[in-house]
Protein backbone atom coordinates (compact mmCIF):
# COMPACT_ATOMS: atom_id res chain seq x y z
CA MET A 1 23.02 -30.14 -6.17
CA THR A 2 20.08 -30.62 -8.51
CA ARG A 3 17.44 -28.15 -9.47
CA SER A 4 13.83 -28.95 -8.80
CA LYS A 5 11.43 -28.55 -11.66
CA GLY A 6 8.91 -25.75 -11.41
CA SER A 7 5.25 -26.58 -11.50
CA LEU A 8 3.42 -26.39 -14.80
CA GLN A 9 0.91 -23.83 -13.61
CA LEU A 10 0.13 -21.47 -10.76
CA SER A 11 -1.69 -22.72 -7.70
CA GLN A 12 -5.08 -21.22 -6.84
CA ALA A 13 -3.46 -19.12 -4.10
CA GLU A 14 -0.86 -17.82 -6.57
CA ILE A 15 -3.58 -16.98 -9.09
CA GLU A 16 -5.46 -15.04 -6.42
CA ARG A 17 -2.29 -13.09 -5.53
CA PHE A 18 -1.68 -12.45 -9.25
CA VAL A 19 -5.20 -11.03 -9.67
CA VAL A 20 -4.77 -8.77 -6.63
CA ALA A 21 -1.46 -7.48 -8.02
CA ALA A 22 -3.02 -7.03 -11.47
CA GLU A 23 -5.82 -4.97 -9.96
CA ALA A 24 -3.29 -2.75 -8.18
CA LEU A 25 -1.41 -2.26 -11.45
CA HIS A 26 -4.69 -1.51 -13.24
CA LEU A 27 -5.53 1.17 -10.68
CA SER A 28 -2.08 2.73 -10.96
CA THR A 29 -2.36 2.99 -14.75
CA ALA A 30 -6.02 4.02 -14.89
CA LYS A 31 -5.98 6.61 -12.10
CA PRO A 32 -3.68 9.34 -13.48
CA TYR A 33 -5.69 11.92 -15.37
CA ILE A 34 -3.51 12.75 -18.35
CA SER A 35 -4.29 13.86 -21.88
CA PRO A 36 -5.22 11.02 -24.21
CA HIS A 37 -3.05 12.69 -26.84
CA CYS A 38 0.25 12.24 -24.99
CA GLU A 39 2.67 9.33 -25.36
CA HIS A 40 2.42 8.37 -21.67
CA TYR A 41 -1.32 7.86 -22.02
CA ARG A 42 -0.89 5.65 -25.08
CA GLN A 43 1.73 3.54 -23.33
CA THR A 44 -0.44 3.06 -20.23
CA ARG A 45 -3.23 1.86 -22.55
CA VAL A 46 -0.86 -0.65 -24.16
CA LEU A 47 0.16 -1.90 -20.71
CA HIS A 48 -3.48 -2.09 -19.67
CA GLU A 49 -4.44 -4.25 -22.67
CA VAL A 50 -1.53 -6.63 -22.03
CA LEU A 51 -2.51 -6.82 -18.36
CA LEU A 52 -6.11 -7.73 -19.21
CA LYS A 53 -4.95 -10.37 -21.67
CA ALA A 54 -2.63 -11.89 -19.05
CA VAL A 55 -5.42 -12.01 -16.46
CA ARG A 56 -7.73 -13.65 -19.02
CA GLU A 57 -5.11 -16.27 -19.93
CA VAL A 58 -4.10 -17.08 -16.35
CA THR A 59 -7.57 -17.18 -14.82
CA GLY A 60 -9.62 -18.27 -17.83
CA LYS A 61 -12.07 -15.40 -17.34
CA GLU A 62 -12.33 -11.64 -17.71
CA ALA A 63 -10.83 -9.40 -15.05
CA ALA A 64 -13.45 -8.76 -12.37
CA PHE A 65 -11.90 -5.40 -11.45
CA ILE A 66 -12.86 -3.79 -14.77
């Protein structure tokens, strides 16, 4: 049995699902009201920056949900 090769990039439908999931993740990290001085806050900010970068690289534009 041979493996099929994956495609080189996401389809438009997959990109749209990715952006919807990214928005949900954004809301889950941005919604909690916690002190900006705690470690959890700093880590959610790190995750948020990586998320925005991924959206920018996959879609070629800034995240519309920001």
